């Protein structure tokens, strides 16, 4: 009995083995599972390198300055040469006298026109020292290395002066006394021929607002507060 069972068991095992072998060869599953799949190499993709530009947000000049800076300012335009009128400076007893001593400007360079425009719109109703302080902030910014290196670049820098709309100023009455004063103050500010009470200031805001800047306050002149 046990001999018959043994032979039967051997026969059954043999039959099972042969069935497994033939089935595996027919499907190919074992070979496919054990061999690595070769993927054709793809050519490397080339991407153009783009410069990364981080926008800067300098502190504003006017009450609108809390808004972030927009597009980059165009390339700087060379500033007009400085030609200090030493005779007028020595004889001037006051800033008003020096303003009166300035030669009338039949035509202004683009840079001095931008500087005079900023003085006119920001401070035309203020005292001459107040106008000079505004002008000297523009000059100081253009020479600081932290802002555009031209007067027009400083004035038209986005979100800095509230009177600027896009890349233009409102109309100016160029026959007015206010404009003549602004032009004279622009020349004095450019030449540095009269010291401003807030010399070295780079920022200011209207006195009617309180932006809470964490900067060194210098002084208030008329309707503006100035900071380093």
Protein backbone atom coordinates (compact mmCIF):
# COMPACT_ATOMS: atom_id res chain seq x y z
CA UNK A 1 0.00 0.00 0.00
CA UNK A 2 2.76 2.42 0.97
CA UNK A 3 4.76 1.46 -2.12
CA UNK A 4 1.81 2.30 -4.34
CA UNK A 5 1.32 5.63 -2.57
CA UNK A 6 4.96 6.50 -2.93
CA UNK A 7 4.96 5.79 -6.65
CA UNK A 8 1.76 7.74 -7.03
CA UNK A 9 3.18 10.71 -5.15
CA UNK A 10 6.35 10.73 -7.25
CA UNK A 11 4.30 10.60 -10.41
CA UNK A 12 2.11 13.47 -9.25
CA UNK A 13 5.07 15.66 -8.38
CA UNK A 14 6.69 14.93 -11.73
CA UNK A 15 3.53 15.81 -13.58
CA UNK A 16 3.14 19.08 -11.70
CA UNK A 17 6.77 20.06 -12.42
CA UNK A 18 6.45 19.43 -16.15
CA UNK A 19 3.19 21.42 -16.32
CA UNK A 20 4.80 24.41 -14.59
CA UNK A 21 7.84 24.42 -16.89
CA UNK A 22 5.86 24.29 -20.11
CA UNK A 23 3.39 26.92 -18.93
CA UNK A 24 6.14 29.37 -17.94
CA UNK A 25 7.95 29.00 -21.26
CA UNK A 26 4.75 29.68 -23.16
CA UNK A 27 3.91 32.97 -21.39
CA UNK A 28 7.42 34.35 -20.96
CA UNK A 29 6.41 35.89 -17.60
CA UNK A 30 9.37 34.57 -15.64
CA UNK A 31 11.93 35.86 -18.17
CA UNK A 32 10.33 39.27 -18.33
CA UNK A 33 10.21 39.59 -14.55
CA UNK A 34 13.89 38.81 -14.13
CA UNK A 35 15.45 40.86 -16.96
CA UNK A 36 15.98 44.65 -16.66
CA UNK A 37 14.08 46.92 -19.04
CA UNK A 38 16.40 49.11 -21.16
CA UNK A 39 15.07 52.62 -21.83
CA UNK A 40 16.62 54.51 -24.77
CA UNK A 41 18.65 57.49 -23.61
CA UNK A 42 17.00 60.87 -24.23
CA UNK A 43 19.08 63.87 -25.37
CA UNK A 44 19.68 66.47 -22.67
CA UNK A 45 17.30 69.45 -22.86
CA UNK A 46 18.91 72.86 -23.05
CA UNK A 47 17.24 75.76 -21.22
CA UNK A 48 18.32 79.39 -21.75
CA UNK A 49 19.77 80.97 -18.63
CA UNK A 50 17.70 83.90 -17.41
CA UNK A 51 19.11 86.52 -15.05
CA UNK A 52 17.27 86.68 -11.75
CA UNK A 53 16.26 90.19 -10.80
CA UNK A 54 15.08 90.91 -7.29
CA UNK A 55 12.90 94.03 -7.09
CA UNK A 56 14.02 96.62 -4.59
CA UNK A 57 11.63 98.66 -2.56
CA UNK A 58 13.28 101.82 -1.29
CA UNK A 59 11.43 103.95 1.21
CA UNK A 60 9.07 106.42 -0.45
CA UNK A 61 9.54 110.13 -0.83
CA UNK A 62 5.91 111.14 -0.48
CA UNK A 63 2.84 109.79 1.30
CA UNK A 64 2.23 107.36 -1.55
CA UNK A 65 5.56 105.66 -0.89
CA UNK A 66 4.20 102.71 1.04
CA UNK A 67 3.39 101.13 -2.31
CA UNK A 68 6.07 98.75 -3.66
CA UNK A 69 8.43 99.80 -6.35
CA UNK A 70 7.37 98.91 -9.83
CA UNK A 71 9.44 98.39 -12.95
CA UNK A 72 13.14 99.15 -13.07
CA UNK A 73 14.18 102.71 -13.88
CA UNK A 74 15.78 103.24 -17.31
CA UNK A 75 19.50 103.79 -17.65
CA UNK A 76 20.78 106.93 -16.01
CA UNK A 77 21.35 110.08 -18.01
CA UNK A 78 24.60 111.97 -17.32
CA UNK A 79 24.00 114.86 -14.93
CA UNK A 80 24.70 118.43 -16.01
CA UNK A 81 28.15 119.69 -15.05
CA UNK A 82 28.41 121.64 -11.81
CA UNK A 83 29.48 125.26 -12.29
CA UNK A 84 29.31 127.09 -8.98
CA UNK A 85 28.95 130.85 -9.29
CA UNK A 86 31.45 131.65 -6.55
CA UNK A 87 31.03 135.42 -6.87
CA UNK A 88 27.29 135.21 -6.34
CA UNK A 89 27.71 132.76 -3.47
CA UNK A 90 30.22 134.96 -1.66
CA UNK A 91 28.09 138.08 -2.02
CA UNK A 92 24.75 136.45 -1.20
CA UNK A 93 23.56 137.43 2.27
CA UNK A 94 20.68 134.96 2.20
CA UNK A 95 19.18 132.16 0.17
CA UNK A 96 16.67 134.62 -1.25
CA UNK A 97 19.52 136.84 -2.44
CA UNK A 98 21.20 133.85 -4.09
CA UNK A 99 17.95 132.90 -5.81
CA UNK A 100 17.67 136.42 -7.20
CA UNK A 101 21.30 136.26 -8.35
CA UNK A 102 20.68 133.19 -10.53
CA UNK A 103 20.72 133.87 -14.25
CA UNK A 104 17.34 133.28 -15.89
CA UNK A 105 17.40 129.96 -17.72
CA UNK A 106 16.10 130.26 -21.27
CA UNK A 107 16.37 126.51 -21.67
CA UNK A 108 16.96 123.76 -19.12
CA UNK A 109 18.61 120.41 -19.61
CA UNK A 110 16.28 117.44 -19.19
CA UNK A 111 17.90 116.64 -15.84
CA UNK A 112 17.53 120.13 -14.36
CA UNK A 113 13.99 120.25 -15.69
CA UNK A 114 13.18 117.06 -13.72
CA UNK A 115 14.79 118.51 -10.59
CA UNK A 116 12.97 121.84 -10.91
CA UNK A 117 9.70 120.01 -11.58
CA UNK A 118 10.04 118.01 -8.36
CA UNK A 119 10.71 121.21 -6.40
CA UNK A 120 7.80 122.99 -8.07
CA UNK A 121 5.18 120.33 -7.45
CA UNK A 122 6.34 119.25 -4.01
CA UNK A 123 7.12 122.62 -2.44
CA UNK A 124 6.17 125.59 -4.61
CA UNK A 125 4.02 127.06 -1.82
CA UNK A 126 6.74 126.68 0.81
CA UNK A 127 9.69 128.78 1.88
CA UNK A 128 12.90 128.81 -0.13
CA UNK A 129 14.70 126.66 2.50
CA UNK A 130 11.85 124.17 2.24
CA UNK A 131 12.17 124.09 -1.54
CA UNK A 132 15.92 123.69 -1.31
CA UNK A 133 15.52 120.79 1.13
CA UNK A 134 13.31 118.94 -1.37
CA UNK A 135 15.77 119.62 -4.17
CA UNK A 136 18.72 118.40 -2.15
CA UNK A 137 16.94 115.11 -1.37
CA UNK A 138 16.68 114.45 -5.12
CA UNK A 139 20.34 115.35 -5.58
CA UNK A 140 21.41 113.19 -2.62
CA UNK A 141 19.45 110.22 -3.91
CA UNK A 142 21.00 110.44 -7.36
CA UNK A 143 24.49 110.35 -5.82
CA UNK A 144 23.87 107.78 -3.09
CA UNK A 145 24.27 104.60 -5.13
CA UNK A 146 21.02 103.33 -3.62
CA UNK A 147 18.69 105.01 -6.12
CA UNK A 148 18.76 105.83 -9.84
CA UNK A 149 21.86 107.83 -10.75
CA UNK A 150 20.05 110.72 -12.43
CA UNK A 151 17.54 113.36 -11.37
CA UNK A 152 14.94 112.14 -13.84
CA UNK A 153 15.50 108.56 -12.70
CA UNK A 154 14.89 109.59 -9.09
CA UNK A 155 11.82 111.69 -9.88
CA UNK A 156 10.18 109.16 -12.19
CA UNK A 157 10.99 106.12 -10.07
CA UNK A 158 7.59 104.45 -9.65
CA UNK A 159 5.58 105.13 -6.49
CA UNK A 160 7.90 107.84 -5.20
CA UNK A 161 6.37 111.23 -6.03
CA UNK A 162 2.59 111.53 -5.96
CA UNK A 163 2.48 114.20 -8.68
CA UNK A 164 4.03 111.86 -11.26
CA UNK A 165 1.58 110.01 -13.47
CA UNK A 166 3.28 107.31 -15.48
CA UNK A 167 6.27 109.01 -17.08
CA UNK A 168 5.00 112.57 -17.12
CA UNK A 169 4.33 115.59 -14.94
CA UNK A 170 1.26 117.81 -15.01
CA UNK A 171 1.45 121.06 -16.93
CA UNK A 172 3.58 123.86 -15.50
CA UNK A 173 2.99 127.60 -15.76
CA UNK A 174 6.51 128.45 -16.82
CA UNK A 175 5.85 132.18 -16.73
CA UNK A 176 5.02 132.09 -13.02
CA UNK A 177 7.22 133.29 -10.18
CA UNK A 178 6.89 129.85 -8.57
CA UNK A 179 8.50 128.19 -11.59
CA UNK A 180 11.31 130.75 -11.77
CA UNK A 181 12.05 130.13 -8.09
CA UNK A 182 11.98 126.37 -8.64
CA UNK A 183 14.47 126.68 -11.51
CA UNK A 184 16.79 128.86 -9.42
CA UNK A 185 16.55 126.48 -6.45
CA UNK A 186 17.24 123.54 -8.78
CA UNK A 187 20.44 125.21 -9.97
CA UNK A 188 21.51 125.95 -6.38
CA UNK A 189 20.66 122.41 -5.24
CA UNK A 190 22.58 120.90 -8.15
CA UNK A 191 25.63 123.07 -7.54
CA UNK A 192 25.49 122.71 -3.76
CA UNK A 193 26.08 126.45 -3.48
CA UNK A 194 23.87 126.85 -0.38
CA UNK A 195 23.68 124.37 2.48
CA UNK A 196 20.29 122.85 3.15
CA UNK A 197 19.05 122.73 6.77
CA UNK A 198 18.54 118.99 6.30
CA UNK A 199 21.68 118.21 4.32
CA UNK A 200 22.12 114.47 3.79
CA UNK A 201 18.41 113.62 3.94
CA UNK A 202 17.28 110.87 1.58
CA UNK A 203 13.61 110.62 2.57
CA UNK A 204 10.72 112.89 3.39
CA UNK A 205 6.98 112.76 3.74
CA UNK A 206 4.18 115.27 4.13
CA UNK A 207 3.76 116.42 7.71
CA UNK A 208 0.05 115.56 7.63
CA UNK A 209 0.79 111.82 7.52
CA UNK A 210 2.61 109.52 9.94
CA UNK A 211 4.09 106.53 8.09
CA UNK A 212 6.00 105.35 11.18
CA UNK A 213 9.32 104.93 9.41
CA UNK A 214 12.17 103.44 11.40
CA UNK A 215 14.63 106.08 10.21
CA UNK A 216 16.64 108.88 11.76
CA UNK A 217 14.50 111.99 11.69
CA UNK A 218 16.42 115.19 10.92
CA UNK A 219 13.86 117.99 11.06
CA UNK A 220 10.58 119.35 9.82
CA UNK A 221 10.62 122.26 7.38
CA UNK A 222 7.28 123.78 6.43
CA UNK A 223 5.02 120.91 5.38
CA UNK A 224 7.62 118.11 5.12
CA UNK A 225 9.49 115.94 7.60
CA UNK A 226 12.97 114.81 6.52
CA UNK A 227 14.93 111.66 7.39
CA UNK A 228 18.31 110.08 6.74
